[in-house]
Each structure stands twice: as C-alpha cells, then as structure tokens.
Amino acid sequence: MADCGGAWSGTLRILLHSQCHLIRNTPAAPAAARRYVREALAGQPDRVVDTASLIVSELSTNCVRHAHTDLAVTIEQTENQIRVDIADTGTGVVTPRNPGPAEFSGRGLRIVDQLSDAWGVREFGNGDGKSVWFELSLHEKRF
C-alpha cells in the first residue's frame, strides 16, 4: 500500500500546513480523493478548490485504472500556493497521451498540464512506485 512517507513532503518553502490521507484502491477512490481535497482546502478560493479537486480526480482515477494500488494524497500549503502529491506503488510509467476524438479516455494528464501551474512525476526507484504532483497558486495571476 502507498503510504504518506512515500510522498514528496517538505518541498515547499515556509510550509504552513501539510497533511496526508491514505485511500484504498476501489472504484470509490476518486470520489474519496476529491472529498479529502475539498475538506483539506476548505476556506481557500473556490477556483483553487475546484481545480485541485478536478486534477486529483484525474490522477486518482489513473491510480485505480493503471497502477492498481492504494494511493496516498498529500497536500502541502504555503502562503502563496498548494502542492498536491498523489503517490502509488505501481510500476507503470506516467506518460501523457494524445487520444483521438473517438477515444473515451487518455486526456487526464493533458488536463493536469493545462490546469496546474506546474506538475511532474517522481519515480521512487527500485520499482517502489511513483508520485505525480502539481502546484496551484492561491492568488489570482495578474497580467
């Protein structure tokens, strides 16, 4: 099972808050992950909560469909941003796809790329799993 020790914690400067939640790999995992994110980010701007919930839904669905392992969702928060990490113990490689218009799936990582300020993948090594993380600014960007 993925555990909170496998997440990439402590990566943000001046960390105000960090918490982790373990979720069993069941068809209900994406809903549980969304619920956890919404509860953990209560009080943050709606656009941040909604975006984080959508991205977490995509990533946790990938864990259920492809990694076939439990997952750990870690949320770190600073004054200016949040970082969410979804870790699993699966051996698969995280690769964005370019699905055709008739394909029903394969767009999740493209959604993550478009909606997050930054994202990436960290392999744990020795086939011990990986994590996919993303960051969102807590403040509106002004141009």
Protein backbone atom coordinates (compact mmCIF):
# COMPACT_ATOMS: atom_id res chain seq x y z
CA MET A 1 0.00 0.00 0.00
CA ALA A 2 1.16 3.53 -0.71
CA ASP A 3 1.98 5.42 2.44
CA CYS A 4 2.41 9.02 3.43
CA GLY A 5 6.12 8.50 3.94
CA GLY A 6 6.46 7.94 0.18
CA ALA A 7 5.07 11.33 -0.74
CA TRP A 8 7.37 14.16 -1.63
CA SER A 9 6.78 16.15 1.52
CA GLY A 10 8.66 19.21 2.65
CA THR A 11 9.30 20.57 -0.83
CA LEU A 12 7.70 23.97 -0.40
CA ARG A 13 9.40 26.89 1.29
CA ILE A 14 7.89 28.16 4.51
CA LEU A 15 5.45 25.29 4.76
CA LEU A 16 2.35 26.38 6.68
CA HIS A 17 0.48 23.11 6.61
CA SER A 18 0.92 19.53 5.42
CA GLN A 19 -1.39 16.58 5.64
CA CYS A 20 -1.70 13.17 4.05
CA HIS A 21 -4.56 10.76 3.55
CA LEU A 22 -4.37 7.09 2.52
CA ILE A 23 -7.03 5.87 0.11
CA ARG A 24 -7.79 2.25 -0.79
CA ASN A 25 -7.81 1.31 -4.46
CA THR A 26 -11.51 0.84 -5.10
CA PRO A 27 -13.85 2.33 -7.69
CA ALA A 28 -14.77 4.90 -4.99
CA ALA A 29 -11.15 6.13 -4.64
CA PRO A 30 -11.50 9.18 -6.96
CA ALA A 31 -14.59 10.37 -5.07
CA ALA A 32 -12.80 9.83 -1.74
CA ALA A 33 -9.77 11.77 -3.01
CA ARG A 34 -11.97 14.67 -4.20
CA ARG A 35 -13.78 14.76 -0.86
CA TYR A 36 -10.47 14.77 1.04
CA VAL A 37 -9.11 17.65 -1.08
CA ARG A 38 -12.30 19.70 -0.68
CA GLU A 39 -12.23 19.24 3.10
CA ALA A 40 -8.49 19.92 3.40
CA LEU A 41 -8.71 23.08 1.29
CA ALA A 42 -11.85 24.48 2.89
CA GLY A 43 -11.50 28.24 3.15
CA GLN A 44 -9.27 28.55 0.09
CA PRO A 45 -10.51 30.32 -3.07
CA ASP A 46 -13.22 28.32 -4.89
CA ARG A 47 -11.19 28.26 -8.12
CA VAL A 48 -8.29 26.59 -6.25
CA VAL A 49 -10.52 24.03 -4.54
CA ASP A 50 -12.38 23.23 -7.78
CA THR A 51 -9.19 22.94 -9.84
CA ALA A 52 -7.38 20.83 -7.24
CA SER A 53 -10.43 18.55 -6.93
CA LEU A 54 -10.60 18.02 -10.69
CA ILE A 55 -6.88 17.29 -11.02
CA VAL A 56 -6.91 14.93 -8.03
CA SER A 57 -9.87 13.14 -9.58
CA GLU A 58 -7.92 12.61 -12.81
CA LEU A 59 -4.78 11.41 -11.02
CA SER A 60 -6.55 9.11 -8.59
CA THR A 61 -8.55 7.63 -11.48
CA ASN A 62 -5.22 6.85 -13.16
CA CYS A 63 -4.10 5.04 -9.99
CA VAL A 64 -7.26 2.95 -9.97
CA ARG A 65 -7.17 2.17 -13.71
CA HIS A 66 -3.45 1.75 -14.30
CA ALA A 67 -1.43 1.39 -11.08
CA HIS A 68 -3.91 -0.93 -9.33
CA THR A 69 -2.57 0.11 -5.92
CA ASP A 70 -3.73 2.15 -2.97
CA LEU A 71 -2.71 5.78 -3.04
CA ALA A 72 -1.53 8.49 -0.68
CA VAL A 73 -2.73 12.06 -1.22
CA THR A 74 -0.51 14.68 0.39
CA ILE A 75 -1.39 18.37 0.45
CA GLU A 76 1.19 20.99 1.36
CA GLN A 77 0.36 24.65 1.68
CA THR A 78 2.38 27.85 1.89
CA GLU A 79 1.16 31.40 1.98
CA ASN A 80 1.15 31.54 -1.83
CA GLN A 81 0.48 28.05 -3.17
CA ILE A 82 -0.56 24.49 -2.62
CA ARG A 83 1.20 21.37 -3.77
CA VAL A 84 -0.69 18.10 -4.04
CA ASP A 85 1.08 14.78 -4.43
CA ILE A 86 -0.60 11.50 -5.41
CA ALA A 87 1.68 8.54 -4.66
CA ASP A 88 1.18 4.88 -5.53
CA THR A 89 3.27 1.73 -5.51
CA GLY A 90 2.50 0.73 -9.09
CA THR A 91 5.23 0.03 -11.63
CA GLY A 92 3.67 1.76 -14.64
CA VAL A 93 5.17 4.77 -16.38
CA VAL A 94 3.30 8.07 -16.33
CA THR A 95 3.07 9.28 -19.93
CA PRO A 96 0.73 11.89 -21.42
CA ARG A 97 -1.24 10.57 -24.40
CA ASN A 98 -2.71 12.16 -27.49
CA PRO A 99 -6.04 10.36 -27.86
CA GLY A 100 -8.09 10.72 -30.99
CA PRO A 101 -11.54 12.32 -30.95
CA ALA A 102 -13.28 8.93 -30.84
CA GLU A 103 -11.31 7.69 -27.80
CA PHE A 104 -13.11 7.87 -24.46
CA SER A 105 -10.05 8.24 -22.25
CA GLY A 106 -6.43 9.34 -22.24
CA ARG A 107 -6.83 13.07 -21.59
CA GLY A 108 -6.16 13.16 -17.83
CA LEU A 109 -2.53 14.28 -17.89
CA ARG A 110 -3.34 16.89 -20.55
CA ILE A 111 -5.94 18.28 -18.13
CA VAL A 112 -3.34 18.31 -15.34
CA ASP A 113 -0.90 20.15 -17.61
CA GLN A 114 -3.44 22.77 -18.66
CA LEU A 115 -4.90 23.50 -15.23
CA SER A 116 -1.87 23.38 -12.94
CA ASP A 117 0.87 25.97 -12.55
CA ALA A 118 3.45 23.15 -12.54
CA TRP A 119 3.38 19.37 -12.36
CA GLY A 120 5.71 16.43 -12.59
CA VAL A 121 6.44 12.82 -11.83
CA ARG A 122 8.88 11.40 -9.34
CA GLU A 123 9.90 7.73 -9.54
CA PHE A 124 10.74 6.21 -6.15
CA GLY A 125 13.30 3.79 -7.63
CA ASN A 126 13.67 0.04 -7.35
CA GLY A 127 10.14 -0.33 -8.72
CA ASP A 128 8.70 1.01 -5.45
CA GLY A 129 6.21 3.30 -7.17
CA LYS A 130 5.94 6.92 -8.11
CA SER A 131 4.17 10.13 -7.36
CA VAL A 132 2.55 12.71 -9.58
CA TRP A 133 2.47 16.17 -8.08
CA PHE A 134 1.00 19.51 -9.07
CA GLU A 135 1.08 23.06 -7.79
CA LEU A 136 -1.56 25.78 -7.82
CA SER A 137 -1.20 29.42 -6.87
CA LEU A 138 -3.54 30.63 -4.14
CA HIS A 139 -3.61 34.10 -5.70
CA GLU A 140 -5.08 35.30 -8.98
CA LYS A 141 -2.44 35.96 -11.60
CA ARG A 142 -2.37 39.50 -12.87
CA PHE A 143 -1.07 40.30 -16.32
